[in-house]
PDB file of N, CA and C in Angstrom:
ATOM      1  N   UNK A   1      12.398 -11.385  -4.892  1.00  0.00           N
ATOM      2  CA  UNK A   1      11.522 -10.264  -4.590  1.00  0.00           C
ATOM      3  C   UNK A   1      11.688  -9.188  -5.656  1.00  0.00           C
ATOM      4  N   UNK A   2      10.649  -8.450  -5.842  1.00  0.00           N
ATOM      5  CA  UNK A   2      10.653  -7.351  -6.796  1.00  0.00           C
ATOM      6  C   UNK A   2      10.153  -6.102  -6.088  1.00  0.00           C
ATOM      7  N   UNK A   3      10.534  -4.928  -6.583  1.00  0.00           N
ATOM      8  CA  UNK A   3      10.007  -3.712  -5.963  1.00  0.00           C
ATOM      9  C   UNK A   3       8.514  -3.593  -6.225  1.00  0.00           C
ATOM     10  N   UNK A   4       7.774  -2.928  -5.327  1.00  0.00           N
ATOM     11  CA  UNK A   4       6.337  -2.745  -5.545  1.00  0.00           C
ATOM     12  C   UNK A   4       6.090  -1.902  -6.794  1.00  0.00           C
ATOM     13  N   UNK A   5       4.909  -2.082  -7.379  1.00  0.00           N
ATOM     14  CA  UNK A   5       4.576  -1.344  -8.592  1.00  0.00           C
ATOM     15  C   UNK A   5       4.465   0.152  -8.335  1.00  0.00           C
ATOM     16  N   UNK A   6       3.926   0.516  -7.191  1.00  0.00           N
ATOM     17  CA  UNK A   6       3.746   1.924  -6.841  1.00  0.00           C
ATOM     18  C   UNK A   6       3.864   2.072  -5.333  1.00  0.00           C
ATOM     19  N   UNK A   7       4.508   3.134  -4.891  1.00  0.00           N
ATOM     20  CA  UNK A   7       4.649   3.399  -3.464  1.00  0.00           C
ATOM     21  C   UNK A   7       3.932   4.698  -3.137  1.00  0.00           C
ATOM     22  N   UNK A   8       3.059   4.644  -2.134  1.00  0.00           N
ATOM     23  CA  UNK A   8       2.371   5.839  -1.642  1.00  0.00           C
ATOM     24  C   UNK A   8       2.810   6.074  -0.211  1.00  0.00           C
ATOM     25  N   UNK A   9       3.357   7.241   0.058  1.00  0.00           N
ATOM     26  CA  UNK A   9       3.743   7.610   1.425  1.00  0.00           C
ATOM     27  C   UNK A   9       2.522   8.238   2.093  1.00  0.00           C
ATOM     28  N   UNK A  10       2.182   7.737   3.284  1.00  0.00           N
ATOM     29  CA  UNK A  10       0.974   8.175   3.979  1.00  0.00           C
ATOM     30  C   UNK A  10       1.309   8.590   5.398  1.00  0.00           C
ATOM     31  N   UNK A  11       0.412   9.379   6.002  1.00  0.00           N
ATOM     32  CA  UNK A  11       0.659   9.884   7.355  1.00  0.00           C
ATOM     33  C   UNK A  11      -0.168   9.166   8.416  1.00  0.00           C
ATOM     34  N   UNK A  12      -1.015   8.205   8.005  1.00  0.00           N
ATOM     35  CA  UNK A  12      -1.828   7.456   8.964  1.00  0.00           C
ATOM     36  C   UNK A  12      -1.588   5.965   8.785  1.00  0.00           C
ATOM     37  N   UNK A  13      -1.794   5.210   9.860  1.00  0.00           N
ATOM     38  CA  UNK A  13      -1.571   3.758   9.805  1.00  0.00           C
ATOM     39  C   UNK A  13      -2.715   3.024   9.109  1.00  0.00           C
ATOM     40  N   UNK A  14      -3.891   3.611   9.037  1.00  0.00           N
ATOM     41  CA  UNK A  14      -5.039   2.979   8.384  1.00  0.00           C
ATOM     42  C   UNK A  14      -5.270   3.687   7.057  1.00  0.00           C
ATOM     43  N   UNK A  15      -5.262   2.922   5.978  1.00  0.00           N
ATOM     44  CA  UNK A  15      -5.419   3.491   4.640  1.00  0.00           C
ATOM     45  C   UNK A  15      -6.466   2.689   3.862  1.00  0.00           C
ATOM     46  N   UNK A  16      -7.018   3.297   2.832  1.00  0.00           N
ATOM     47  CA  UNK A  16      -7.966   2.631   1.935  1.00  0.00           C
ATOM     48  C   UNK A  16      -7.364   2.614   0.543  1.00  0.00           C
ATOM     49  N   UNK A  17      -7.610   1.525  -0.182  1.00  0.00           N
ATOM     50  CA  UNK A  17      -7.127   1.417  -1.558  1.00  0.00           C
ATOM     51  C   UNK A  17      -8.254   0.883  -2.430  1.00  0.00           C
ATOM     52  N   UNK A  18      -8.465   1.555  -3.572  1.00  0.00           N
ATOM     53  CA  UNK A  18      -9.431   1.056  -4.541  1.00  0.00           C
ATOM     54  C   UNK A  18      -8.776   0.821  -5.899  1.00  0.00           C
ATOM     55  N   UNK A  19      -7.468   1.002  -5.956  1.00  0.00           N
ATOM     56  CA  UNK A  19      -6.721   0.733  -7.177  1.00  0.00           C
ATOM     57  C   UNK A  19      -6.900   1.741  -8.279  1.00  0.00           C
ATOM     58  N   UNK A  20      -7.709   2.774  -8.053  1.00  0.00           N
ATOM     59  CA  UNK A  20      -8.011   3.717  -9.125  1.00  0.00           C
ATOM     60  C   UNK A  20      -7.873   5.164  -8.704  1.00  0.00           C
ATOM     61  N   UNK A  21      -7.245   5.417  -7.592  1.00  0.00           N
ATOM     62  CA  UNK A  21      -7.151   6.786  -7.081  1.00  0.00           C
ATOM     63  C   UNK A  21      -6.565   7.751  -8.098  1.00  0.00           C
ATOM     64  N   UNK A  22      -5.534   7.332  -8.823  1.00  0.00           N
ATOM     65  CA  UNK A  22      -4.864   8.216  -9.766  1.00  0.00           C
ATOM     66  C   UNK A  22      -5.158   7.876 -11.227  1.00  0.00           C
ATOM     67  N   UNK A  23      -6.182   7.048 -11.456  1.00  0.00           N
ATOM     68  CA  UNK A  23      -6.505   6.628 -12.817  1.00  0.00           C
ATOM     69  C   UNK A  23      -7.686   7.446 -13.346  1.00  0.00           C
ATOM     70  N   UNK A  24      -7.539   8.089 -14.512  1.00  0.00           N
ATOM     71  CA  UNK A  24      -8.695   8.762 -15.105  1.00  0.00           C
ATOM     72  C   UNK A  24      -9.784   7.732 -15.381  1.00  0.00           C
ATOM     73  N   UNK A  25     -11.000   8.028 -15.013  1.00  0.00           N
ATOM     74  CA  UNK A  25     -12.093   7.087 -15.190  1.00  0.00           C
ATOM     75  C   UNK A  25     -12.572   6.537 -13.862  1.00  0.00           C
ATOM     76  N   UNK A  26     -11.761   6.717 -12.822  1.00  0.00           N
ATOM     77  CA  UNK A  26     -12.182   6.389 -11.473  1.00  0.00           C
ATOM     78  C   UNK A  26     -12.244   4.916 -11.136  1.00  0.00           C
ATOM     79  N   UNK A  27     -13.082   4.640 -10.126  1.00  0.00           N
ATOM     80  CA  UNK A  27     -13.140   3.311  -9.523  1.00  0.00           C
ATOM     81  C   UNK A  27     -13.592   2.219 -10.480  1.00  0.00           C
ATOM     82  N   UNK A  28     -14.248   2.565 -11.570  1.00  0.00           N
ATOM     83  CA  UNK A  28     -14.689   1.525 -12.503  1.00  0.00           C
ATOM     84  C   UNK A  28     -13.499   0.788 -13.116  1.00  0.00           C
ATOM     85  N   UNK A  29     -12.318   1.380 -13.051  1.00  0.00           N
ATOM     86  CA  UNK A  29     -11.116   0.741 -13.589  1.00  0.00           C
ATOM     87  C   UNK A  29     -10.250   0.125 -12.494  1.00  0.00           C
ATOM     88  N   UNK A  30     -10.653   0.231 -11.254  1.00  0.00           N
ATOM     89  CA  UNK A  30      -9.845  -0.254 -10.144  1.00  0.00           C
ATOM     90  C   UNK A  30     -10.295  -1.599  -9.625  1.00  0.00           C
ATOM     91  N   UNK A  31     -10.350  -1.711  -8.296  1.00  0.00           N
ATOM     92  CA  UNK A  31     -10.779  -2.928  -7.625  1.00  0.00           C
ATOM     93  C   UNK A  31     -11.648  -2.544  -6.434  1.00  0.00           C
ATOM     94  N   UNK A  32     -12.289  -3.516  -5.777  1.00  0.00           N
ATOM     95  CA  UNK A  32     -13.096  -3.166  -4.604  1.00  0.00           C
ATOM     96  C   UNK A  32     -12.250  -2.436  -3.560  1.00  0.00           C
ATOM     97  N   UNK A  33     -12.851  -1.473  -2.901  1.00  0.00           N
ATOM     98  CA  UNK A  33     -12.121  -0.725  -1.872  1.00  0.00           C
ATOM     99  C   UNK A  33     -11.813  -1.642  -0.692  1.00  0.00           C
ATOM    100  N   UNK A  34     -10.559  -1.648  -0.284  1.00  0.00           N
ATOM    101  CA  UNK A  34     -10.127  -2.405   0.888  1.00  0.00           C
ATOM    102  C   UNK A  34      -9.446  -1.446   1.856  1.00  0.00           C
ATOM    103  N   UNK A  35      -9.540  -1.770   3.130  1.00  0.00           N
ATOM    104  CA  UNK A  35      -8.882  -0.982   4.165  1.00  0.00           C
ATOM    105  C   UNK A  35      -7.702  -1.784   4.674  1.00  0.00           C
ATOM    106  N   UNK A  36      -6.571  -1.126   4.772  1.00  0.00           N
ATOM    107  CA  UNK A  36      -5.324  -1.765   5.161  1.00  0.00           C
ATOM    108  C   UNK A  36      -4.779  -1.112   6.420  1.00  0.00           C
ATOM    109  N   UNK A  37      -4.115  -1.902   7.236  1.00  0.00           N
ATOM    110  CA  UNK A  37      -3.535  -1.404   8.487  1.00  0.00           C
ATOM    111  C   UNK A  37      -2.023  -1.590   8.423  1.00  0.00           C
ATOM    112  N   UNK A  38      -1.281  -0.513   8.571  1.00  0.00           N
ATOM    113  CA  UNK A  38       0.178  -0.573   8.596  1.00  0.00           C
ATOM    114  C   UNK A  38       0.613  -0.986   9.999  1.00  0.00           C
ATOM    115  N   UNK A  39       1.442  -2.023  10.073  1.00  0.00           N
ATOM    116  CA  UNK A  39       1.884  -2.526  11.380  1.00  0.00           C
ATOM    117  C   UNK A  39       3.266  -1.969  11.727  1.00  0.00           C
ATOM    118  N   UNK A  40       3.963  -2.653  12.624  1.00  0.00           N
ATOM    119  CA  UNK A  40       5.253  -2.173  13.124  1.00  0.00           C
ATOM    120  C   UNK A  40       6.352  -2.149  12.057  1.00  0.00           C
ATOM    121  N   UNK A  41       6.126  -2.810  10.915  1.00  0.00           N
ATOM    122  CA  UNK A  41       7.118  -2.772   9.837  1.00  0.00           C
ATOM    123  C   UNK A  41       7.123  -1.416   9.134  1.00  0.00           C
ATOM    124  N   UNK A  42       6.023  -0.672   9.256  1.00  0.00           N
ATOM    125  CA  UNK A  42       5.937   0.649   8.645  1.00  0.00           C
ATOM    126  C   UNK A  42       5.387   0.657   7.236  1.00  0.00           C
ATOM    127  N   UNK A  43       4.892  -0.493   6.748  1.00  0.00           N
ATOM    128  CA  UNK A  43       4.310  -0.536   5.401  1.00  0.00           C
ATOM    129  C   UNK A  43       3.341  -1.692   5.275  1.00  0.00           C
ATOM    130  N   UNK A  44       2.494  -1.608   4.240  1.00  0.00           N
ATOM    131  CA  UNK A  44       1.568  -2.692   3.892  1.00  0.00           C
ATOM    132  C   UNK A  44       1.324  -2.613   2.392  1.00  0.00           C
ATOM    133  N   UNK A  45       1.100  -3.772   1.771  1.00  0.00           N
ATOM    134  CA  UNK A  45       0.828  -3.847   0.336  1.00  0.00           C
ATOM    135  C   UNK A  45      -0.629  -4.213   0.100  1.00  0.00           C
ATOM    136  N   UNK A  46      -1.219  -3.607  -0.915  1.00  0.00           N
ATOM    137  CA  UNK A  46      -2.576  -3.972  -1.308  1.00  0.00           C
ATOM    138  C   UNK A  46      -2.528  -5.328  -2.006  1.00  0.00           C
ATOM    139  N   UNK A  47      -3.374  -6.245  -1.577  1.00  0.00           N
ATOM    140  CA  UNK A  47      -3.417  -7.572  -2.165  1.00  0.00           C
ATOM    141  C   UNK A  47      -3.976  -7.605  -3.575  1.00  0.00           C
ATOM    142  N   UNK A  48      -4.684  -6.565  -3.983  1.00  0.00           N
ATOM    143  CA  UNK A  48      -5.247  -6.506  -5.333  1.00  0.00           C
ATOM    144  C   UNK A  48      -4.264  -5.915  -6.341  1.00  0.00           C
ATOM    145  N   UNK A  49      -3.736  -4.742  -6.047  1.00  0.00           N
ATOM    146  CA  UNK A  49      -2.961  -4.013  -7.056  1.00  0.00           C
ATOM    147  C   UNK A  49      -1.472  -3.878  -6.731  1.00  0.00           C
ATOM    148  N   UNK A  50      -1.031  -4.400  -5.600  1.00  0.00           N
ATOM    149  CA  UNK A  50       0.380  -4.362  -5.181  1.00  0.00           C
ATOM    150  C   UNK A  50       0.892  -2.963  -4.862  1.00  0.00           C
ATOM    151  N   UNK A  51      -0.001  -1.994  -4.736  1.00  0.00           N
ATOM    152  CA  UNK A  51       0.440  -0.673  -4.296  1.00  0.00           C
ATOM    153  C   UNK A  51       0.934  -0.801  -2.858  1.00  0.00           C
ATOM    154  N   UNK A  52       2.065  -0.193  -2.568  1.00  0.00           N
ATOM    155  CA  UNK A  52       2.637  -0.231  -1.224  1.00  0.00           C
ATOM    156  C   UNK A  52       2.371   1.105  -0.531  1.00  0.00           C
ATOM    157  N   UNK A  53       1.871   1.026   0.687  1.00  0.00           N
ATOM    158  CA  UNK A  53       1.640   2.200   1.521  1.00  0.00           C
ATOM    159  C   UNK A  53       2.705   2.216   2.604  1.00  0.00           C
ATOM    160  N   UNK A  54       3.460   3.311   2.657  1.00  0.00           N
ATOM    161  CA  UNK A  54       4.573   3.448   3.591  1.00  0.00           C
ATOM    162  C   UNK A  54       4.267   4.591   4.545  1.00  0.00           C
ATOM    163  N   UNK A  55       4.379   4.315   5.835  1.00  0.00           N
ATOM    164  CA  UNK A  55       4.136   5.337   6.853  1.00  0.00           C
ATOM    165  C   UNK A  55       5.294   6.327   6.873  1.00  0.00           C
ATOM    166  N   UNK A  56       4.975   7.607   6.676  1.00  0.00           N
ATOM    167  CA  UNK A  56       5.998   8.654   6.695  1.00  0.00           C
ATOM    168  C   UNK A  56       6.670   8.668   8.070  1.00  0.00           C
ATOM    169  N   UNK A  57       7.993   8.590   8.071  1.00  0.00           N
ATOM    170  CA  UNK A  57       8.756   8.581   9.316  1.00  0.00           C
ATOM    171  C   UNK A  57       8.859   7.212   9.967  1.00  0.00           C
ATOM    172  N   UNK A  58       8.218   6.201   9.371  1.00  0.00           N
ATOM    173  CA  UNK A  58       8.250   4.841   9.912  1.00  0.00           C
ATOM    174  C   UNK A  58       9.509   4.108   9.487  1.00  0.00           C
ATOM    175  N   UNK A  59       9.672   2.872   9.961  1.00  0.00           N
ATOM    176  CA  UNK A  59      10.887   2.103   9.675  1.00  0.00           C
ATOM    177  C   UNK A  59      11.129   1.825   8.190  1.00  0.00           C
ATOM    178  N   UNK A  60      10.084   1.798   7.374  1.00  0.00           N
ATOM    179  CA  UNK A  60      10.251   1.506   5.944  1.00  0.00           C
ATOM    180  C   UNK A  60      10.406   2.763   5.091  1.00  0.00           C
ATOM    181  N   UNK A  61      10.236   3.922   5.693  1.00  0.00           N
ATOM    182  CA  UNK A  61      10.350   5.178   4.953  1.00  0.00           C
ATOM    183  C   UNK A  61      11.817   5.386   4.574  1.00  0.00           C
ATOM    184  N   UNK A  62      12.081   5.410   3.280  1.00  0.00           N
ATOM    185  CA  UNK A  62      13.445   5.588   2.793  1.00  0.00           C
ATOM    186  C   UNK A  62      14.207   4.278   2.631  1.00  0.00           C
ATOM    187  N   UNK A  63      13.577   3.137   2.903  1.00  0.00           N
ATOM    188  CA  UNK A  63      14.237   1.833   2.771  1.00  0.00           C
ATOM    189  C   UNK A  63      14.300   1.412   1.305  1.00  0.00           C
ATOM    190  N   UNK A  64      15.148   0.435   1.014  1.00  0.00           N
ATOM    191  CA  UNK A  64      15.209  -0.169  -0.318  1.00  0.00           C
ATOM    192  C   UNK A  64      14.050  -1.159  -0.407  1.00  0.00           C
ATOM    193  N   UNK A  65      12.981  -0.782  -1.062  1.00  0.00           N
ATOM    194  CA  UNK A  65      11.762  -1.582  -1.081  1.00  0.00           C
ATOM    195  C   UNK A  65      11.888  -2.858  -1.898  1.00  0.00           C
ATOM    196  N   UNK A  66      12.886  -2.968  -2.728  1.00  0.00           N
ATOM    197  CA  UNK A  66      13.114  -4.207  -3.460  1.00  0.00           C
ATOM    198  C   UNK A  66      13.563  -5.320  -2.515  1.00  0.00           C
ATOM    199  N   UNK A  67      14.079  -4.955  -1.343  1.00  0.00           N
ATOM    200  CA  UNK A  67      14.572  -5.940  -0.382  1.00  0.00           C
ATOM    201  C   UNK A  67      13.550  -6.284   0.697  1.00  0.00           C
ATOM    202  N   UNK A  68      12.407  -5.588   0.723  1.00  0.00           N
ATOM    203  CA  UNK A  68      11.389  -5.846   1.737  1.00  0.00           C
ATOM    204  C   UNK A  68      10.405  -6.899   1.233  1.00  0.00           C
ATOM    205  N   UNK A  69       9.893  -7.705   2.137  1.00  0.00           N
ATOM    206  CA  UNK A  69       8.926  -8.743   1.789  1.00  0.00           C
ATOM    207  C   UNK A  69       7.568  -8.127   1.487  1.00  0.00           C
ATOM    208  N   UNK A  70       6.765  -8.833   0.698  1.00  0.00           N
ATOM    209  CA  UNK A  70       5.400  -8.400   0.442  1.00  0.00           C
ATOM    210  C   UNK A  70       4.613  -8.483   1.742  1.00  0.00           C
ATOM    211  N   UNK A  71       3.829  -7.441   2.033  1.00  0.00           N
ATOM    212  CA  UNK A  71       3.044  -7.380   3.264  1.00  0.00           C
ATOM    213  C   UNK A  71       1.603  -7.093   2.907  1.00  0.00           C
ATOM    214  N   UNK A  72       0.895  -8.063   2.402  1.00  0.00           N
ATOM    215  CA  UNK A  72      -0.487  -7.881   1.995  1.00  0.00           C
ATOM    216  C   UNK A  72      -1.463  -8.343   3.052  1.00  0.00           C
ATOM    217  N   UNK A  73      -0.972  -8.710   4.230  1.00  0.00           N
ATOM    218  CA  UNK A  73      -1.844  -9.264   5.264  1.00  0.00           C
ATOM    219  C   UNK A  73      -2.525  -8.201   6.116  1.00  0.00           C
ATOM    220  N   UNK A  74      -2.424  -6.941   5.735  1.00  0.00           N
ATOM    221  CA  UNK A  74      -3.049  -5.889   6.511  1.00  0.00           C
ATOM    222  C   UNK A  74      -4.475  -5.589   6.082  1.00  0.00           C
ATOM    223  N   UNK A  75      -4.982  -6.339   5.111  1.00  0.00           N
ATOM    224  CA  UNK A  75      -6.326  -6.056   4.591  1.00  0.00           C
ATOM    225  C   UNK A  75      -7.384  -6.399   5.629  1.00  0.00           C
ATOM    226  N   UNK A  76      -8.350  -5.558   5.698  1.00  0.00           N
ATOM    227  CA  UNK A  76      -9.453  -5.780   6.614  1.00  0.00           C
ATOM    228  C   UNK A  76     -10.726  -5.157   6.061  1.00  0.00           C
ATOM    229  N   UNK A  77     -11.819  -5.378   6.738  1.00  0.00           N
ATOM    230  CA  UNK A  77     -13.088  -4.805   6.298  1.00  0.00           C
ATOM    231  C   UNK A  77     -13.295  -3.440   6.864  1.00  0.00           C
TER     232      UNK A  77
END
């Protein structure tokens, strides 16, 4: 396992990722917008860009993310 490329701490269990939120040039450099649902593990990974979303105060907040499994199964429409 490897640590995620980028970790975003969020306050809601449902998040959207387009891979370009912090990239100058916007969505044209990212990927299609996907909606992800954080489950009881407290985190979810984007299947496109490997960005990890961690629920603030959840079980994964403050954890060693290099030891956590990839959780890309939260993607939905």
